[in-house]
Protein backbone atom coordinates (compact mmCIF):
# COMPACT_ATOMS: atom_id res chain seq x y z
CA MET A 1 43.70 -1.58 38.78
CA PRO A 2 43.30 -2.04 34.75
CA GLU A 3 42.37 1.06 32.56
CA ILE A 4 38.53 0.39 31.55
CA PRO A 5 37.47 1.28 27.58
CA PHE A 6 36.29 4.87 27.26
CA SER A 7 33.22 2.38 25.72
CA GLU A 8 32.74 0.64 28.52
CA ILE A 9 32.42 3.63 31.38
CA PRO A 10 29.10 3.76 32.53
CA MET A 11 27.07 6.94 31.64
CA SER A 12 23.88 8.42 32.33
CA GLU A 13 21.71 9.00 29.46
CA GLY A 14 21.48 12.56 29.51
CA THR A 15 25.11 12.97 29.43
CA ILE A 16 25.55 10.25 26.29
CA ASP A 17 22.52 13.11 24.86
CA SER A 18 23.98 15.63 25.84
CA ALA A 19 27.53 14.69 24.16
CA ALA A 20 26.26 13.70 20.89
CA GLY A 21 24.44 16.88 20.76
CA TRP A 22 27.83 18.84 20.71
CA TRP A 23 28.17 19.27 17.11
CA ARG A 24 24.88 19.11 15.16
CA THR A 25 24.42 18.52 11.35
CA SER A 26 21.96 17.59 8.15
CA ILE A 27 24.57 16.91 6.20
CA ILE A 28 25.37 13.65 6.99
CA ASP A 29 24.41 10.59 8.45
CA ILE A 30 26.79 7.66 9.27
CA HIS A 31 26.35 4.68 11.35
CA PRO A 32 28.22 1.49 10.36
CA GLY A 33 27.91 0.24 7.14
CA SER A 34 26.01 3.61 5.89
CA ILE A 35 26.84 7.12 4.75
CA ARG A 36 23.80 9.28 3.65
CA VAL A 37 24.43 12.84 2.60
CA ARG A 38 21.45 14.98 2.95
CA GLY A 39 19.18 11.49 3.31
CA TYR A 40 20.68 9.76 0.22
CA ALA A 41 22.58 6.71 0.55
CA ILE A 42 25.77 8.00 -0.99
CA GLU A 43 25.96 4.27 -2.98
CA GLU A 44 23.27 5.90 -4.60
CA LEU A 45 24.74 8.82 -5.67
CA ILE A 46 28.01 7.34 -6.66
CA GLY A 47 27.85 6.74 -10.90
CA THR A 48 24.66 8.43 -10.69
CA ILE A 49 25.03 12.65 -10.00
CA GLY A 50 27.95 14.32 -11.58
CA PHE A 51 30.65 16.98 -8.80
CA PRO A 52 28.53 19.88 -9.58
CA ASP A 53 25.18 18.00 -8.50
CA MET A 54 27.08 16.59 -5.29
CA VAL A 55 28.21 20.54 -3.99
CA TRP A 56 24.55 21.26 -4.59
CA LEU A 57 23.31 18.95 -2.45
CA MET A 58 25.85 19.04 0.14
CA LEU A 59 25.27 22.98 0.15
CA ARG A 60 21.96 23.62 -0.51
CA GLY A 61 20.36 20.18 0.98
CA GLU A 62 18.64 18.96 -2.29
CA LEU A 63 19.32 18.03 -5.62
CA PRO A 64 19.73 20.30 -8.36
CA THR A 65 17.62 19.95 -11.50
CA PRO A 66 19.54 19.03 -14.97
CA ALA A 67 20.20 22.81 -16.04
CA GLN A 68 20.66 23.60 -12.20
CA GLY A 69 23.29 21.61 -11.57
CA ARG A 70 24.88 22.48 -15.67
CA LEU A 71 25.05 26.21 -15.25
CA LEU A 72 26.75 25.49 -11.02
CA GLY A 73 29.25 23.04 -13.28
CA ALA A 74 30.36 25.53 -16.13
CA ALA A 75 30.91 28.48 -13.48
CA LEU A 76 33.58 25.96 -11.82
CA VAL A 77 35.17 24.89 -15.30
CA ALA A 78 35.52 29.27 -15.93
CA ALA A 79 37.08 29.59 -12.86
CA VAL A 80 39.85 27.08 -12.42
CA ASP A 81 42.97 28.62 -13.57
CA HIS A 82 44.41 31.77 -14.75
CA GLY A 83 47.90 31.09 -15.31
CA PRO A 84 51.34 31.06 -13.07
CA GLN A 85 51.06 34.83 -12.46
CA ALA A 86 48.27 34.68 -10.76
CA PRO A 87 49.57 35.12 -6.61
CA SER A 88 47.69 32.10 -5.97
CA ILE A 89 48.61 29.78 -8.52
CA ALA A 90 52.43 31.50 -7.91
CA THR A 91 52.66 31.09 -4.27
CA ALA A 92 51.67 27.23 -4.52
CA ARG A 93 54.53 26.70 -7.07
CA MET A 94 57.32 28.55 -4.49
CA ALA A 95 56.04 26.00 -2.08
CA ALA A 96 56.40 23.19 -4.12
CA THR A 97 59.54 24.43 -4.58
CA CYS A 98 60.45 24.54 -0.89
CA GLY A 99 60.27 20.58 -0.22
CA VAL A 100 56.58 20.79 1.46
CA GLY A 101 54.12 17.99 0.78
CA LEU A 102 51.03 19.04 -2.20
CA ASN A 103 48.60 19.46 0.41
CA ASN A 104 51.01 22.13 1.86
CA ALA A 105 51.08 23.66 -1.50
CA MET A 106 47.70 23.89 -2.33
CA ALA A 107 47.06 25.94 1.07
CA SER A 108 49.70 27.93 0.88
CA GLY A 109 48.19 28.90 -2.78
CA ILE A 110 44.00 28.88 -1.12
CA ASN A 111 45.24 30.76 1.65
CA ALA A 112 46.37 34.00 -1.24
CA LEU A 113 42.54 34.15 -1.88
CA GLY A 114 41.68 37.19 0.02
CA ASP A 115 39.12 40.04 -0.49
CA VAL A 116 41.54 41.49 -3.46
CA HIS A 117 42.65 38.17 -4.70
CA GLY A 118 39.82 36.01 -5.53
CA GLY A 119 37.31 38.36 -3.76
CA ALA A 120 35.96 40.01 -6.78
CA GLY A 121 32.95 37.72 -7.17
CA GLN A 122 31.26 37.82 -3.20
CA GLN A 123 31.91 41.38 -3.99
CA CYS A 124 30.07 41.77 -7.57
CA MET A 125 27.54 39.43 -6.33
CA ASP A 126 27.00 41.84 -3.23
CA LEU A 127 26.58 45.05 -5.88
CA TYR A 128 23.87 43.24 -8.09
CA ALA A 129 22.33 42.84 -4.41
CA ALA A 130 22.30 46.26 -3.93
CA VAL A 131 21.13 47.49 -7.15
CA ALA A 132 18.48 44.99 -6.40
CA ALA A 133 17.59 46.23 -3.26
CA ARG A 134 17.20 50.01 -5.00
CA MET A 135 14.69 49.00 -7.69
CA THR A 136 12.45 47.45 -4.73
CA GLU A 137 12.46 50.98 -3.27
CA GLY A 138 10.85 51.79 -6.70
CA MET A 139 13.67 52.25 -8.76
CA SER A 140 13.95 51.33 -12.15
CA MET A 141 16.83 48.79 -13.23
CA ALA A 142 18.62 51.78 -15.03
CA GLY A 143 17.89 54.26 -12.70
CA ALA A 144 18.92 51.86 -9.30
CA ALA A 145 22.41 50.78 -11.03
CA GLU A 146 23.77 54.42 -12.69
CA ASN A 147 22.73 55.37 -8.58
CA GLU A 148 24.65 52.24 -6.84
CA ILE A 149 28.17 52.90 -9.31
CA ALA A 150 27.66 56.94 -8.81
CA ALA A 151 27.65 56.59 -4.94
CA ARG A 152 30.20 54.06 -4.66
CA LEU A 153 32.43 55.87 -7.28
CA GLU A 154 31.94 58.69 -5.48
CA ARG A 155 33.32 57.57 -2.25
CA ARG A 156 35.98 56.00 -4.54
CA GLU A 157 35.65 52.50 -4.55
CA HIS A 158 36.83 49.30 -6.45
CA ILE A 159 33.66 48.21 -8.67
CA PRO A 160 33.99 45.02 -9.11
CA GLY A 161 33.24 42.05 -12.09
CA PHE A 162 34.06 44.49 -14.93
CA GLY A 163 37.49 45.06 -16.80
CA HIS A 164 40.03 42.73 -16.73
CA ARG A 165 43.84 44.04 -16.60
CA PHE A 166 44.81 41.23 -19.08
CA HIS A 167 42.01 40.82 -21.55
CA PRO A 168 40.26 43.00 -22.84
CA VAL A 169 37.53 41.26 -23.10
CA ASP A 170 37.12 38.08 -20.75
CA PRO A 171 36.42 35.24 -22.80
CA ARG A 172 35.00 33.22 -20.29
CA ALA A 173 32.41 35.79 -19.44
CA GLY A 174 30.37 35.79 -22.59
CA ARG A 175 30.04 32.33 -23.00
CA LEU A 176 28.38 32.21 -19.08
CA LEU A 177 26.00 34.87 -19.93
CA ALA A 178 25.04 32.53 -23.06
CA LEU A 179 24.75 29.56 -20.57
CA VAL A 180 22.58 31.81 -18.05
CA GLU A 181 20.50 32.75 -21.52
CA ALA A 182 19.91 29.12 -22.40
CA ALA A 183 19.11 28.13 -18.82
CA LYS A 184 16.38 31.11 -18.58
CA GLY A 185 14.90 29.43 -21.42
CA GLU A 186 15.19 26.46 -19.46
CA GLY A 187 13.09 27.94 -16.94
CA ALA A 188 16.29 26.90 -14.47
CA VAL A 189 16.58 31.08 -13.25
CA THR A 190 14.93 34.41 -13.81
CA GLY A 191 17.44 36.36 -15.19
CA GLU A 192 17.01 39.01 -13.00
CA ALA A 193 20.97 39.03 -11.95
CA ALA A 194 22.36 38.80 -15.68
CA ALA A 195 19.91 41.90 -16.48
CA ILE A 196 21.35 43.44 -13.26
CA GLY A 197 24.51 42.86 -14.38
CA ARG A 198 24.57 44.62 -17.97
CA ALA A 199 22.93 47.67 -16.52
CA VAL A 200 25.77 48.16 -13.79
CA GLU A 201 27.82 47.23 -17.10
CA ASP A 202 26.25 50.41 -18.89
CA ALA A 203 26.07 52.88 -15.82
CA LEU A 204 29.97 52.24 -15.73
CA THR A 205 30.60 53.09 -19.37
CA ALA A 206 28.01 55.89 -19.04
CA ARG A 207 30.54 56.67 -16.12
CA LYS A 208 33.63 56.54 -17.14
CA GLY A 209 33.27 56.77 -20.83
CA LYS A 210 34.65 53.89 -21.99
CA ARG A 211 33.47 50.59 -21.97
CA LEU A 212 34.69 48.31 -19.08
CA PRO A 213 33.32 44.44 -20.13
CA MET A 214 31.99 41.60 -17.39
CA ASN A 215 35.22 39.62 -16.47
CA ILE A 216 35.15 36.13 -14.69
CA ASP A 217 34.12 37.28 -11.97
CA GLY A 218 31.45 39.81 -12.68
CA ALA A 219 29.93 36.07 -14.33
CA THR A 220 29.96 34.13 -11.61
CA ALA A 221 28.48 36.49 -9.95
CA VAL A 222 25.91 36.57 -12.43
CA VAL A 223 25.59 32.69 -11.93
CA PHE A 224 25.76 32.10 -8.56
CA ALA A 225 23.18 34.89 -7.66
CA GLU A 226 20.48 33.87 -10.07
CA LEU A 227 21.20 30.27 -8.71
CA GLY A 228 20.52 31.52 -5.59
CA PHE A 229 23.62 30.81 -3.54
CA PRO A 230 24.32 33.72 -0.82
CA SER A 231 27.59 35.81 -1.41
CA GLY A 232 29.51 34.04 1.67
CA LEU A 233 29.22 30.35 -0.57
CA GLY A 234 30.10 33.09 -4.06
CA ARG A 235 33.55 33.33 -2.72
CA GLY A 236 33.70 29.65 -0.93
CA LEU A 237 32.82 28.36 -4.67
CA PHE A 238 35.47 30.11 -6.50
CA VAL A 239 37.84 28.54 -4.47
CA LEU A 240 36.41 25.21 -4.91
CA SER A 241 37.30 25.93 -8.60
CA ARG A 242 40.46 27.94 -8.29
CA SER A 243 41.79 24.96 -5.52
CA VAL A 244 41.70 22.30 -9.20
CA GLY A 245 43.67 24.89 -10.49
CA ILE A 246 46.23 25.35 -7.92
CA MET A 247 46.37 21.54 -7.22
CA ALA A 248 47.45 20.71 -11.15
CA HIS A 249 50.10 24.21 -11.27
CA ALA A 250 51.49 22.18 -7.67
CA TRP A 251 51.63 19.29 -9.26
CA GLU A 252 53.42 19.88 -12.28
CA GLN A 253 56.08 21.84 -10.18
CA SER A 254 56.64 19.07 -7.76
CA GLN A 255 57.39 17.03 -11.28
CA GLN A 256 59.00 19.72 -12.61
CA GLY A 257 62.00 20.61 -9.84
CA GLY A 258 63.20 22.96 -8.36
CA ARG A 259 64.35 24.42 -5.06
CA ILE A 260 63.36 27.14 -3.32
CA LYS A 261 62.29 29.24 -6.37
CA GLY A 262 61.84 32.52 -5.35
CA PRO A 263 59.29 35.03 -7.52
CA MET A 264 61.54 36.30 -9.27
CA PRO A 265 64.31 34.13 -11.18
CA PRO A 266 68.04 35.51 -9.52
CA SER A 267 69.13 37.18 -12.53
CA ILE A 268 66.27 39.71 -12.23
CA PRO A 269 67.66 41.91 -8.72
CA TYR A 270 64.82 43.46 -6.62
CA ARG A 271 64.72 47.27 -5.82
CA TYR A 272 66.56 48.66 -2.83
CA ASP A 273 64.98 52.10 -2.12
CA GLY A 274 66.83 51.77 1.88
CA ALA A 275 69.44 53.75 3.09
CA SER A 276 73.25 54.14 1.13
CA PRO A 277 75.70 52.42 3.71
CA ARG A 278 77.11 53.30 6.56
CA PRO A 279 79.08 52.63 9.53
CA VAL A 280 77.41 51.65 12.65
CA PRO A 281 78.41 54.35 15.07
CA ALA A 282 81.51 53.70 16.84
CA GLU A 283 80.10 55.28 20.44
CA PHE A 284 77.14 52.80 20.30
CA PRO A 285 77.71 50.44 23.77
CA GLY A 286 76.91 47.16 22.23
CA ASP A 287 75.33 44.83 23.96
CA GLY A 288 76.43 44.25 28.17
CA ALA A 289 77.84 47.59 28.05
């Protein structure tokens, strides 16, 4: 009996409607010869809007204002790379020496981004939101920041977004905050998240006895919060940004060559702290005894 093509198998209208509703999306509508993103024809978007604008459209459903698009683009530029010592970059470079493709090396690096390496921006957005929540209860901004920081330090929690293990002052943060201030002047943002960030910095200074300047995570948290992104998307946007650096390093390493490069040159040994050399007991029965 000849096989009937799937497209020619008769189906009831209810079956087709049920199958079509299996996945629902308001993001994209595709038909033969037509691709519309959030209602906009793709051929009209191409060459008209920039990539940050497209990111905004995909995530938010509408096109950003020029000021919003510029500020989002600035934050994406700022977090692209931080050198081969960053675990995500190092992982991608090591993977590239193992004979995998560019996409596999990129995936390896991206998968190293988690709560500790890559999650501070999202966590800092949650910190700012917690301060804002205290303000709705009648606290001043300074008091809300002080109370939130005190509570977290008493619980021995890490305060994300401030201080840096390498930079005394993160050169990216000040520039982003200046751009937020400029966007506020254009009416694109309110400036509240930036003010909360500065209040948190002041509260940390008072508690620690020394200034811990806002770092890239604290600054991008300000930008994403000012632009109205939820904290979960704050992490996603950081991953999107850093994936560009991961791709560049993985590609560079693939062009440099090298085979099975580990985290340290073979000339630098690791430190063993296990048991001293010892014999297997003579009375050990062994396999099959």
